[in-house]
Amino acid sequence: MAVTADSIKTLHPLEIRVLRTYKPGDHLTASLLCSDLGFVEGQANQVYAWLTAKQLARDIERKVYNVYELTDLGKSWLEKGTPEQRMITYLENHGPEFIPAICTALGLEQKDIGSAFGRLSKDGAVGMTEEKRVKLIDKQKDTLSLAIQAVLTRVQKAGGSIKEFELSKEEQATAGSIAKKRGAGDSPLKLVERETITWTLSDAVLAIQEELKSMPEQEEIGALTQDILTNGTWKNARFRPYTITNRTSRVIPGRHNSYVQFLESVKDKLVSLGFEEFDGSLVETEFWNGDALFMPQFHSARDIHDVYYVAEPTHADTIEEPYFSRVAQTHENGGSTGSRGWGYTFDRAFSRRLILRSQGTVLSAHQLPHAKVPGKYFGIVRCFRYDKVDATHLSDFYQTEGIVLGEHVSLRTLLGFLEMFAVEIAGAKDVKYVPGYFPFTEPSIEVHIKHPVLGWFELGGAGIFRPEVTESLGVRVPVLAWGIGIDRMALMALGLNDLRELFSYDIENVRLRRTVMRGNHA
């Protein structure tokens, strides 16, 4: 190997110290470098990585071993005793007692006391009275606690961690019974897998070492400071070279997710227009999700394949009156709304069935009994619906839902709001409105926008609530309503071609979307 002054200059001072100290064939480890050269473990590992990358070092052996580390719970057991020891001490002082009372007295969770009782009863140290109280039988039979305390003490004296092979077989068995690899917060010991690498210098370093013999040992300086200039040490030091052609480290500051920021921008715009925000639970009843919206219980959209049902509990206990009864009458015969209704027997048990909300309009229904007139309300709502996932459909999605109440609102007012969503928020250039059908609005409209790649697709539906909806919930003025797929608006605003990209785990794509969004809002 041809060795030059420039090639030696590329070596780090830590590497040079290793090359001046050891020769090929020496068995080196991180712990040896720490003891001989005063390195910390990170420096020793870094030198090994540097020299190996330059083919100046090679592995000899790799050994994997386990280490037991003392957790905060383990320290607590050393200080206060194991749950078994604390239970025995309590029973000695207070006599037989119920498990919940022992938990309260000792400040331990029932699962900890239950586990302790199980181990102690198995060893014959405690038992249960006819009244189901825990009683002490023979505390000398609690041998496990003594073994645990001995192991924890050994780990503590070893500095908080100890190699598994440094324990006896009996100690290893005890430590293994109380240690966890993951989620070790509820165990006194944490089991960690470590690796020891034994390595040596390659013959390629011989030429470098020979050259180093003719060079004086000088401290290498990486930064010029006032102290160095004052005391004159810079005169006999060697300055570390650098090149301005090297690329600087990439600095990536923390930032908001672009989609979350888009949702916030929509909120800000609506609030600036005088809208008030509403929200609600993800779990809803069939009543608010459909019945209150005058959607008949036999409607195809109420099919089990279109919504997600809650397994436990299955039904709500009650539904707010008088709205429950009013809506039921409206479905059966129109009630006092002037409608003929749907003409079927309303199923109140079905109405109390719990589901994940399938549309944002459920919150509009909730808001109507408490809305001011005139008033404007909106929500950005997570919805869940069984659907085939593709570029424009997700099985759980966001909707921006809104209602406007007033004596003089009309279809023209509604079209103005829809245009605002399509053009100003989504950024669409081509917009069209087509007639639609929804059981709860009349007239009903669908707004479509044209995506440069995906073509025309529905942005959402809108309309004017039917009297069967508003009057059943105590409102007697016209109510404009819309449910817009805000995920689809984000496709346009963030320059995407697939809804699934909104929830991508590819961090570079997420950063790129933020750049696109910043450009769109410039």
Protein backbone atom coordinates (compact mmCIF):
# COMPACT_ATOMS: atom_id res chain seq x y z
CA MET A 1 0.00 0.00 0.00
CA ALA A 2 1.43 3.37 -0.98
CA VAL A 3 1.33 5.68 2.01
CA THR A 4 1.44 9.45 1.64
CA ALA A 5 1.14 12.35 4.01
CA ASP A 6 -2.24 13.12 2.52
CA SER A 7 -3.53 9.59 3.19
CA ILE A 8 -2.44 9.82 6.83
CA LYS A 9 -4.18 13.19 7.10
CA THR A 10 -7.46 11.47 6.34
CA LEU A 11 -7.15 9.44 9.53
CA HIS A 12 -8.98 10.65 12.61
CA PRO A 13 -6.88 11.30 15.77
CA LEU A 14 -8.64 8.38 17.46
CA GLU A 15 -7.61 6.09 14.59
CA ILE A 16 -4.02 7.29 14.80
CA ARG A 17 -3.91 6.54 18.53
CA VAL A 18 -5.05 2.98 17.84
CA LEU A 19 -2.50 2.52 15.04
CA ARG A 20 0.33 3.83 17.26
CA THR A 21 -0.66 1.49 20.12
CA TYR A 22 -1.55 -1.86 18.56
CA LYS A 23 -0.21 -4.10 15.79
CA PRO A 24 -1.84 -6.62 13.42
CA GLY A 25 -2.79 -9.79 15.26
CA ASP A 26 -3.69 -8.06 18.55
CA HIS A 27 -7.19 -8.94 19.70
CA LEU A 28 -9.07 -5.69 20.19
CA THR A 29 -12.45 -4.99 21.78
CA ALA A 30 -14.33 -1.86 22.77
CA SER A 31 -13.66 -2.52 26.46
CA LEU A 32 -9.90 -2.92 25.79
CA LEU A 33 -9.71 0.42 23.97
CA CYS A 34 -11.63 2.07 26.81
CA SER A 35 -9.24 0.73 29.45
CA ASP A 36 -5.98 1.23 27.49
CA LEU A 37 -6.66 4.51 25.71
CA GLY A 38 -9.35 6.11 27.85
CA PHE A 39 -11.98 5.95 25.09
CA VAL A 40 -15.64 5.93 25.88
CA GLU A 41 -17.61 3.05 24.35
CA GLY A 42 -18.99 5.22 21.53
CA GLN A 43 -15.49 6.29 20.48
CA ALA A 44 -14.23 2.70 20.53
CA ASN A 45 -17.11 1.53 18.35
CA GLN A 46 -16.63 4.47 15.97
CA VAL A 47 -12.90 3.71 15.50
CA TYR A 48 -13.74 0.08 14.73
CA ALA A 49 -16.33 1.18 12.12
CA TRP A 50 -13.94 3.69 10.49
CA LEU A 51 -10.99 1.30 10.24
CA THR A 52 -13.17 -1.55 8.97
CA ALA A 53 -14.67 0.68 6.26
CA LYS A 54 -11.12 1.56 5.13
CA GLN A 55 -10.18 -2.16 5.16
CA LEU A 56 -7.58 -1.47 7.85
CA ALA A 57 -9.31 -3.78 10.32
CA ARG A 58 -11.23 -7.07 10.21
CA ASP A 59 -13.44 -9.12 12.53
CA ILE A 60 -12.11 -12.09 14.45
CA GLU A 61 -15.15 -13.10 16.46
CA ARG A 62 -18.66 -11.91 17.35
CA LYS A 63 -20.33 -13.08 20.56
CA VAL A 64 -23.96 -12.40 21.44
CA TYR A 65 -24.93 -12.44 25.12
CA ASN A 66 -27.75 -11.28 27.38
CA VAL A 67 -27.58 -8.51 29.96
CA TYR A 68 -30.01 -7.94 32.82
CA GLU A 69 -30.68 -4.27 33.64
CA LEU A 70 -32.39 -3.00 36.78
CA THR A 71 -35.64 -1.11 36.09
CA ASP A 72 -37.39 1.49 38.23
CA LEU A 73 -39.73 -1.24 39.44
CA GLY A 74 -36.71 -3.34 40.43
CA LYS A 75 -35.32 -0.43 42.44
CA SER A 76 -38.71 -0.10 44.14
CA TRP A 77 -38.68 -3.81 45.03
CA LEU A 78 -35.20 -3.43 46.56
CA GLU A 79 -36.41 -0.51 48.66
CA LYS A 80 -39.89 -1.71 49.69
CA GLY A 81 -39.77 -5.46 49.05
CA THR A 82 -41.47 -7.66 46.48
CA PRO A 83 -45.29 -7.72 46.38
CA GLU A 84 -45.07 -11.16 48.07
CA GLN A 85 -42.94 -9.80 50.92
CA ARG A 86 -45.18 -6.79 51.37
CA MET A 87 -48.28 -8.99 51.42
CA ILE A 88 -46.77 -11.29 54.05
CA THR A 89 -45.75 -8.32 56.23
CA TYR A 90 -49.26 -6.89 55.96
CA LEU A 91 -50.91 -10.20 56.90
CA GLU A 92 -48.54 -10.58 59.87
CA ASN A 93 -49.60 -7.19 61.20
CA HIS A 94 -53.31 -7.17 60.30
CA GLY A 95 -54.43 -10.77 59.97
CA PRO A 96 -56.62 -12.20 57.14
CA GLU A 97 -57.95 -9.64 54.68
CA PHE A 98 -59.72 -9.36 51.31
CA ILE A 99 -57.52 -8.83 48.26
CA PRO A 100 -59.00 -5.38 47.33
CA ALA A 101 -58.29 -4.13 50.85
CA ILE A 102 -54.69 -5.37 50.63
CA CYS A 103 -54.30 -3.58 47.28
CA THR A 104 -55.54 -0.31 48.78
CA ALA A 105 -53.37 -0.61 51.88
CA LEU A 106 -50.18 -1.39 49.94
CA GLY A 107 -50.85 0.91 46.98
CA LEU A 108 -50.52 -1.94 44.48
CA GLU A 109 -52.70 -2.92 41.56
CA GLN A 110 -54.99 -5.92 41.87
CA LYS A 111 -53.11 -7.81 39.15
CA ASP A 112 -49.88 -7.51 41.17
CA ILE A 113 -51.49 -8.69 44.40
CA GLY A 114 -53.33 -11.44 42.51
CA SER A 115 -50.09 -12.71 40.98
CA ALA A 116 -48.35 -12.53 44.35
CA PHE A 117 -51.14 -14.50 46.00
CA GLY A 118 -50.96 -17.12 43.25
CA ARG A 119 -47.23 -17.68 43.76
CA LEU A 120 -47.45 -17.67 47.56
CA SER A 121 -50.43 -20.04 47.68
CA LYS A 122 -48.65 -22.42 45.31
CA ASP A 123 -45.67 -22.53 47.71
CA GLY A 124 -47.98 -22.97 50.72
CA ALA A 125 -47.11 -19.61 52.30
CA VAL A 126 -50.68 -18.21 52.22
CA GLY A 127 -54.18 -19.53 51.74
CA MET A 128 -57.82 -18.42 51.62
CA THR A 129 -60.39 -18.48 54.41
CA GLU A 130 -64.01 -19.51 53.90
CA GLU A 131 -64.85 -15.81 53.70
CA LYS A 132 -62.42 -15.45 50.76
CA ARG A 133 -59.90 -13.53 52.88
CA VAL A 134 -56.19 -14.08 52.34
CA LYS A 135 -54.50 -15.62 55.39
CA LEU A 136 -50.85 -16.24 56.29
CA ILE A 137 -49.85 -19.90 56.72
CA ASP A 138 -46.04 -20.05 56.78
CA LYS A 139 -43.91 -17.10 55.69
CA GLN A 140 -40.76 -19.27 55.65
CA LYS A 141 -42.07 -20.96 52.52
CA ASP A 142 -41.70 -17.74 50.53
CA THR A 143 -38.26 -18.68 49.19
CA LEU A 144 -38.75 -17.02 45.80
CA SER A 145 -38.77 -13.50 47.25
CA LEU A 146 -35.41 -14.07 48.92
CA ALA A 147 -33.97 -15.34 45.64
CA ILE A 148 -35.37 -12.32 43.77
CA GLN A 149 -33.95 -9.88 46.32
CA ALA A 150 -30.54 -11.57 46.06
CA VAL A 151 -30.49 -11.25 42.25
CA LEU A 152 -31.67 -7.63 42.30
CA THR A 153 -28.98 -6.80 44.86
CA ARG A 154 -26.29 -8.37 42.65
CA VAL A 155 -27.46 -6.35 39.64
CA GLN A 156 -27.51 -3.15 41.70
CA LYS A 157 -23.97 -3.74 43.03
CA ALA A 158 -22.79 -4.38 39.46
CA GLY A 159 -23.82 -0.84 38.54
CA GLY A 160 -27.40 -1.55 37.44
CA SER A 161 -26.63 -4.17 34.78
CA ILE A 162 -24.99 -7.58 34.77
CA LYS A 163 -24.11 -10.11 32.09
CA GLU A 164 -26.17 -13.28 32.19
CA PHE A 165 -23.10 -15.55 32.20
CA GLU A 166 -21.86 -13.82 35.35
CA LEU A 167 -24.82 -15.29 37.27
CA SER A 168 -25.09 -18.83 38.60
CA LYS A 169 -27.61 -21.21 37.02
CA GLU A 170 -29.97 -20.68 39.96
CA GLU A 171 -29.64 -16.90 39.66
CA GLN A 172 -30.16 -17.09 35.89
CA ALA A 173 -33.40 -19.04 36.44
CA THR A 174 -34.63 -16.45 38.97
CA ALA A 175 -33.66 -13.49 36.79
CA GLY A 176 -35.30 -15.07 33.74
CA SER A 177 -38.58 -15.49 35.63
CA ILE A 178 -38.86 -11.75 36.41
CA ALA A 179 -37.28 -10.16 33.30
CA LYS A 180 -38.80 -8.96 30.04
CA LYS A 181 -37.24 -7.98 26.71
CA ARG A 182 -39.96 -5.51 25.74
CA GLY A 183 -42.45 -3.58 27.82
CA ALA A 184 -40.16 -3.97 30.83
CA GLY A 185 -41.87 -1.15 32.72
CA ASP A 186 -43.89 -3.69 34.72
CA SER A 187 -40.96 -6.05 35.43
CA PRO A 188 -38.03 -5.56 37.85
CA LEU A 189 -35.41 -6.56 35.27
CA LYS A 190 -35.04 -5.78 31.58
CA LEU A 191 -33.39 -8.35 29.33
CA VAL A 192 -31.14 -6.75 26.71
CA GLU A 193 -29.24 -8.54 23.97
CA ARG A 194 -25.66 -7.31 23.49
CA GLU A 195 -22.84 -8.20 21.12
CA THR A 196 -19.07 -8.22 21.69
CA ILE A 197 -16.91 -7.86 18.58
CA THR A 198 -13.30 -8.95 18.71
CA TRP A 199 -11.25 -7.51 15.85
CA THR A 200 -7.71 -6.89 14.77
CA LEU A 201 -5.74 -4.58 12.52
CA SER A 202 -5.05 -5.83 9.01
CA ASP A 203 -1.55 -6.07 7.51
CA ALA A 204 -2.38 -3.01 5.42
CA VAL A 205 -1.68 -0.81 8.46
CA LEU A 206 2.00 -1.80 8.62
CA ALA A 207 3.05 0.77 6.03
CA ILE A 208 1.00 3.47 7.78
CA GLN A 209 2.50 2.57 11.16
CA GLU A 210 6.00 2.75 9.70
CA GLU A 211 5.28 6.23 8.35
CA LEU A 212 3.79 7.31 11.70
CA LYS A 213 7.09 6.43 13.45
CA SER A 214 8.83 9.22 11.58
CA MET A 215 6.10 11.72 12.42
CA PRO A 216 6.02 13.51 15.77
CA GLU A 217 3.03 12.90 17.99
CA GLN A 218 1.02 16.09 17.77
CA GLU A 219 -2.34 17.03 19.12
CA GLU A 220 -4.76 17.56 16.26
CA ILE A 221 -6.91 20.67 16.52
CA GLY A 222 -10.31 20.81 14.89
CA ALA A 223 -11.31 24.31 16.02
CA LEU A 224 -9.25 27.39 16.80
CA THR A 225 -10.27 28.90 20.14
CA GLN A 226 -9.20 31.95 22.15
CA ASP A 227 -7.46 29.76 24.75
CA ILE A 228 -5.33 28.04 22.08
CA LEU A 229 -4.27 31.38 20.67
CA THR A 230 -3.51 32.77 24.14
CA ASN A 231 -1.42 29.89 25.47
CA GLY A 232 0.40 29.27 22.18
CA THR A 233 -0.39 25.54 21.93
CA TRP A 234 -1.40 26.06 18.32
CA LYS A 235 2.26 26.45 17.37
CA ASN A 236 3.09 22.77 17.95
CA ALA A 237 -0.31 21.34 17.04
CA ARG A 238 -1.56 19.82 13.83
CA PHE A 239 -4.73 21.27 12.34
CA ARG A 240 -7.34 18.89 11.01
CA PRO A 241 -7.82 19.49 7.25
CA TYR A 242 -11.22 19.93 5.69
CA THR A 243 -12.60 20.55 2.25
CA ILE A 244 -15.28 22.99 1.23
CA THR A 245 -16.44 20.56 -1.47
CA ASN A 246 -17.93 18.19 1.13
CA ARG A 247 -21.70 18.30 1.39
CA THR A 248 -23.02 19.65 4.65
CA SER A 249 -25.24 17.58 6.90
CA ARG A 250 -28.89 17.64 5.99
CA VAL A 251 -30.87 19.58 8.55
CA ILE A 252 -34.51 18.53 8.77
CA PRO A 253 -36.41 20.60 11.34
CA GLY A 254 -39.62 19.39 12.91
CA ARG A 255 -42.77 20.42 11.07
CA HIS A 256 -46.48 19.75 10.86
CA ASN A 257 -47.84 17.01 8.63
CA SER A 258 -49.00 18.63 5.38
CA TYR A 259 -52.45 17.00 5.47
CA VAL A 260 -53.03 18.04 9.09
CA GLN A 261 -52.01 21.57 8.12
CA PHE A 262 -54.45 21.48 5.21
CA LEU A 263 -57.28 20.49 7.57
CA GLU A 264 -56.34 23.35 9.89
CA SER A 265 -56.34 25.80 6.97
CA VAL A 266 -59.89 24.73 6.07
CA LYS A 267 -60.97 25.30 9.67
CA ASP A 268 -59.38 28.74 9.68
CA LYS A 269 -61.22 29.78 6.51
CA LEU A 270 -64.61 28.62 7.77
CA VAL A 271 -64.15 30.26 11.16
CA SER A 272 -63.16 33.51 9.40
CA LEU A 273 -66.50 33.34 7.54
CA GLY A 274 -68.39 33.21 10.84
CA PHE A 275 -68.92 29.45 11.17
CA GLU A 276 -68.92 27.75 14.56
CA GLU A 277 -67.28 24.30 14.82
CA PHE A 278 -69.05 21.19 16.16
CA ASP A 279 -67.75 17.73 16.98
CA GLY A 280 -68.97 14.46 18.43
CA SER A 281 -68.30 10.83 19.26
CA LEU A 282 -67.02 8.33 16.68
CA VAL A 283 -69.60 5.84 18.00
CA GLU A 284 -73.17 6.73 17.13
CA THR A 285 -76.61 5.19 17.18
CA GLU A 286 -78.60 4.26 14.09
CA PHE A 287 -81.00 6.95 15.27
CA TRP A 288 -78.66 9.91 14.77
CA ASN A 289 -76.75 8.31 11.88
CA GLY A 290 -79.88 7.67 9.82
CA ASP A 291 -83.28 7.85 11.51
CA ALA A 292 -83.02 11.53 12.48
CA LEU A 293 -82.08 12.24 8.84
CA PHE A 294 -85.33 10.68 7.62
CA MET A 295 -83.45 7.72 6.16
CA PRO A 296 -85.84 4.75 6.29
CA GLN A 297 -84.66 1.77 8.30
CA PHE A 298 -85.06 -0.46 5.23
CA HIS A 299 -82.88 1.84 3.08
CA SER A 300 -80.12 0.00 1.19
CA ALA A 301 -77.45 2.22 2.77
CA ARG A 302 -78.41 0.76 6.17
CA ASP A 303 -77.23 -2.66 5.07
CA ILE A 304 -74.75 -4.33 7.44
CA HIS A 305 -72.11 -4.24 4.69
CA ASP A 306 -72.18 -0.41 4.56
CA VAL A 307 -71.51 0.41 8.21
CA TYR A 308 -69.37 -0.99 11.02
CA TYR A 309 -71.33 -2.31 14.01
CA VAL A 310 -69.98 -2.10 17.57
CA ALA A 311 -69.58 -5.55 19.14
CA GLU A 312 -69.84 -4.56 22.80
CA PRO A 313 -72.02 -2.89 23.92
CA THR A 314 -74.40 -3.39 21.03
CA HIS A 315 -77.10 -0.82 21.94
CA ALA A 316 -77.42 2.55 23.63
CA ASP A 317 -79.58 2.62 26.75
CA THR A 318 -81.68 5.64 25.80
CA ILE A 319 -82.10 8.27 23.10
CA GLU A 320 -82.94 11.88 23.86
CA GLU A 321 -86.61 12.77 24.01
CA PRO A 322 -88.81 14.23 22.63
CA TYR A 323 -86.77 13.78 19.45
CA PHE A 324 -86.85 9.98 19.58
CA SER A 325 -90.65 9.88 19.59
CA ARG A 326 -91.04 12.70 17.07
CA VAL A 327 -88.68 11.03 14.57
CA ALA A 328 -90.43 7.69 15.04
CA GLN A 329 -93.82 9.28 14.24
CA THR A 330 -92.36 11.09 11.23
CA HIS A 331 -91.12 7.79 9.80
CA GLU A 332 -94.41 6.01 10.41
CA ASN A 333 -96.96 8.63 9.30
CA GLY A 334 -95.22 12.00 8.93
CA GLY A 335 -96.08 13.21 12.44
CA SER A 336 -96.67 16.95 12.53
CA THR A 337 -94.42 17.72 9.54
CA GLY A 338 -97.15 17.56 6.89
CA SER A 339 -95.49 14.51 5.31
CA ARG A 340 -96.99 11.02 4.85
CA GLY A 341 -93.82 9.48 6.24
CA TRP A 342 -92.47 6.14 5.02
CA GLY A 343 -95.46 4.09 6.14
CA TYR A 344 -93.77 1.34 8.16
CA THR A 345 -93.54 0.34 11.84
CA PHE A 346 -90.52 2.12 13.33
CA ASP A 347 -88.13 -0.28 15.12
CA ARG A 348 -86.93 1.46 18.28
CA ALA A 349 -84.50 -1.33 19.20
CA PHE A 350 -82.84 -1.05 15.79
CA SER A 351 -82.65 2.71 16.32
CA ARG A 352 -80.55 2.25 19.49
CA ARG A 353 -77.99 0.03 17.71
CA LEU A 354 -74.41 1.33 18.07
CA ILE A 355 -72.26 1.82 14.98
CA LEU A 356 -69.25 3.83 13.83
CA ARG A 357 -70.65 6.94 12.18
CA SER A 358 -70.77 6.52 8.42
CA GLN A 359 -71.41 10.17 7.48
CA GLY A 360 -70.67 13.58 8.88
CA THR A 361 -74.31 14.63 8.57
CA VAL A 362 -74.95 12.83 11.87
CA LEU A 363 -73.34 15.80 13.65
CA SER A 364 -75.52 18.24 11.76
CA ALA A 365 -78.54 16.36 13.08
CA HIS A 366 -77.13 16.56 16.61
CA GLN A 367 -76.63 20.31 16.22
CA LEU A 368 -80.09 21.19 14.92
CA PRO A 369 -81.96 21.09 18.28
CA HIS A 370 -79.38 23.49 19.77
CA ALA A 371 -78.65 25.72 16.74
CA LYS A 372 -79.16 29.47 16.69
CA VAL A 373 -81.21 31.13 13.95
CA PRO A 374 -79.61 32.53 11.93
CA GLY A 375 -76.55 30.36 12.37
CA LYS A 376 -73.63 28.72 10.55
CA TYR A 377 -71.94 25.53 11.77
CA PHE A 378 -69.30 23.12 10.47
CA GLY A 379 -67.25 20.12 11.51
CA ILE A 380 -64.31 18.17 10.10
CA VAL A 381 -65.39 14.67 10.88
CA ARG A 382 -63.84 11.20 10.70
CA CYS A 383 -66.26 8.71 9.10
CA PHE A 384 -66.17 4.94 8.62
CA ARG A 385 -67.83 3.05 5.80
CA TYR A 386 -67.24 -0.38 4.30
CA ASP A 387 -65.84 0.41 0.87
CA LYS A 388 -63.34 -0.86 -1.66
CA VAL A 389 -60.14 1.14 -1.24
CA ASP A 390 -58.80 2.78 -4.39
CA ALA A 391 -57.41 6.13 -5.57
CA THR A 392 -60.61 8.02 -4.63
CA HIS A 393 -62.17 5.78 -1.93
CA LEU A 394 -61.10 4.89 1.61
CA SER A 395 -62.85 2.80 4.27
CA ASP A 396 -62.32 5.59 6.80
CA PHE A 397 -62.17 9.17 5.66
CA TYR A 398 -62.73 12.81 6.60
CA GLN A 399 -65.76 14.87 5.66
CA THR A 400 -66.28 18.56 6.20
CA GLU A 401 -69.88 18.85 7.25
CA GLY A 402 -71.85 22.07 7.51
CA ILE A 403 -75.26 23.61 7.98
CA VAL A 404 -76.55 27.16 7.53
CA LEU A 405 -79.88 28.14 9.12
CA GLY A 406 -81.87 31.25 8.23
CA GLU A 407 -85.15 32.65 7.02
CA HIS A 408 -83.74 33.78 3.68
CA VAL A 409 -81.14 31.12 2.73
CA SER A 410 -81.74 29.43 -0.60
CA LEU A 411 -80.27 27.14 -3.25
CA ARG A 412 -78.31 30.07 -4.64
CA THR A 413 -76.68 30.54 -1.20
CA LEU A 414 -75.78 26.85 -1.13
CA LEU A 415 -74.18 26.94 -4.59
CA GLY A 416 -72.00 29.82 -3.44
CA PHE A 417 -70.65 27.77 -0.53
CA LEU A 418 -70.02 24.74 -2.78
CA GLU A 419 -68.09 26.90 -5.24
CA MET A 420 -65.96 28.18 -2.40
CA PHE A 421 -65.05 24.62 -1.39
CA ALA A 422 -64.32 23.50 -4.94
CA VAL A 423 -62.36 26.54 -6.15
CA GLU A 424 -60.86 28.35 -3.18
CA ILE A 425 -60.11 25.37 -0.92
CA ALA A 426 -59.63 22.43 -3.31
CA GLY A 427 -58.10 24.60 -6.00
CA ALA A 428 -60.19 23.09 -8.80
CA LYS A 429 -60.53 24.95 -12.08
CA ASP A 430 -63.37 22.88 -13.54
CA VAL A 431 -66.51 22.47 -11.42
CA LYS A 432 -69.97 21.18 -12.25
CA TYR A 433 -73.18 20.53 -10.32
CA VAL A 434 -75.49 17.59 -11.03
CA PRO A 435 -78.85 16.62 -9.51
CA GLY A 436 -78.60 14.05 -6.74
CA TYR A 437 -80.77 12.13 -4.30
CA PHE A 438 -80.45 11.96 -0.53
CA PRO A 439 -83.36 10.94 1.75
CA PHE A 440 -82.82 13.97 3.97
CA THR A 441 -82.52 16.85 1.45
CA GLU A 442 -84.73 18.28 -1.29
CA PRO A 443 -83.47 19.56 -3.65
CA SER A 444 -80.22 17.54 -3.58
CA ILE A 445 -77.03 18.38 -5.45
CA GLU A 446 -73.71 16.68 -6.10
CA VAL A 447 -70.65 18.82 -6.79
CA HIS A 448 -67.99 17.33 -9.11
CA ILE A 449 -64.49 18.60 -9.83
CA LYS A 450 -61.98 17.65 -12.52
CA HIS A 451 -58.63 16.28 -11.40
CA PRO A 452 -55.77 16.62 -13.93
CA VAL A 453 -55.00 12.88 -13.69
CA LEU A 454 -58.08 11.17 -12.23
CA GLY A 455 -60.61 13.15 -14.24
CA TRP A 456 -64.07 14.02 -12.94
CA PHE A 457 -65.09 12.72 -9.52
CA GLU A 458 -67.67 13.61 -6.89
CA LEU A 459 -66.48 16.02 -4.24
CA GLY A 460 -69.58 15.68 -2.09
CA GLY A 461 -73.30 16.06 -1.73
CA ALA A 462 -75.47 18.93 -0.56
CA GLY A 463 -79.04 20.15 -0.40
CA ILE A 464 -81.73 21.76 1.73
CA PHE A 465 -82.92 19.65 4.67
CA ARG A 466 -86.46 18.32 4.29
CA PRO A 467 -89.05 19.44 6.87
CA GLU A 468 -89.19 15.81 8.07
CA VAL A 469 -85.64 16.35 9.36
CA THR A 470 -85.77 19.91 10.67
CA GLU A 471 -89.22 20.04 12.23
CA SER A 472 -88.77 16.71 14.03
CA LEU A 473 -85.70 18.26 15.68
CA GLY A 474 -87.38 21.56 16.54
CA VAL A 475 -86.22 23.79 13.64
CA ARG A 476 -88.71 25.68 11.46
CA VAL A 477 -86.50 27.65 9.06
CA PRO A 478 -84.72 26.49 5.90
CA VAL A 479 -81.42 24.67 6.58
CA LEU A 480 -78.68 24.29 3.97
CA ALA A 481 -76.52 21.20 4.45
CA TRP A 482 -73.47 19.69 2.79
CA GLY A 483 -71.04 16.83 3.30
CA ILE A 484 -67.82 17.33 1.34
CA GLY A 485 -65.03 14.75 1.07
CA ILE A 486 -62.17 16.81 2.43
CA ASP A 487 -59.74 13.99 1.61
CA ARG A 488 -60.65 14.49 -2.04
CA MET A 489 -60.17 18.24 -1.76
CA ALA A 490 -56.68 17.49 -0.47
CA LEU A 491 -55.92 15.53 -3.65
CA MET A 492 -56.17 18.75 -5.60
CA ALA A 493 -54.68 21.09 -3.00
CA LEU A 494 -51.61 18.91 -2.31
CA GLY A 495 -51.05 17.80 -5.90
CA LEU A 496 -51.71 14.08 -5.27
CA ASN A 497 -53.17 11.37 -7.48
CA ASP A 498 -54.19 8.81 -4.82
CA LEU A 499 -56.00 9.23 -1.49
CA ARG A 500 -53.77 6.57 0.07
CA GLU A 501 -50.81 8.94 -0.25
CA LEU A 502 -52.37 11.12 2.46
CA PHE A 503 -51.52 8.41 5.01
CA SER A 504 -48.18 7.30 3.55
CA TYR A 505 -45.38 6.19 5.86
CA ASP A 506 -42.82 7.44 3.29
CA ILE A 507 -41.40 10.46 5.12
CA GLU A 508 -39.83 11.91 1.97
CA ASN A 509 -43.22 11.98 0.25
CA VAL A 510 -44.69 13.70 3.29
CA ARG A 511 -41.99 16.39 3.11
CA LEU A 512 -42.58 16.79 -0.63
CA ARG A 513 -46.32 17.30 -0.06
CA ARG A 514 -45.54 20.08 2.39
CA THR A 515 -43.42 21.78 -0.28
CA VAL A 516 -46.26 21.49 -2.80
CA MET A 517 -48.76 22.84 -0.30
CA ARG A 518 -46.53 25.79 0.53
CA GLY A 519 -46.27 26.57 -3.20
CA ASN A 520 -50.04 26.37 -3.68
CA HIS A 521 -50.63 28.83 -0.86
CA ALA A 522 -47.91 31.26 -1.90
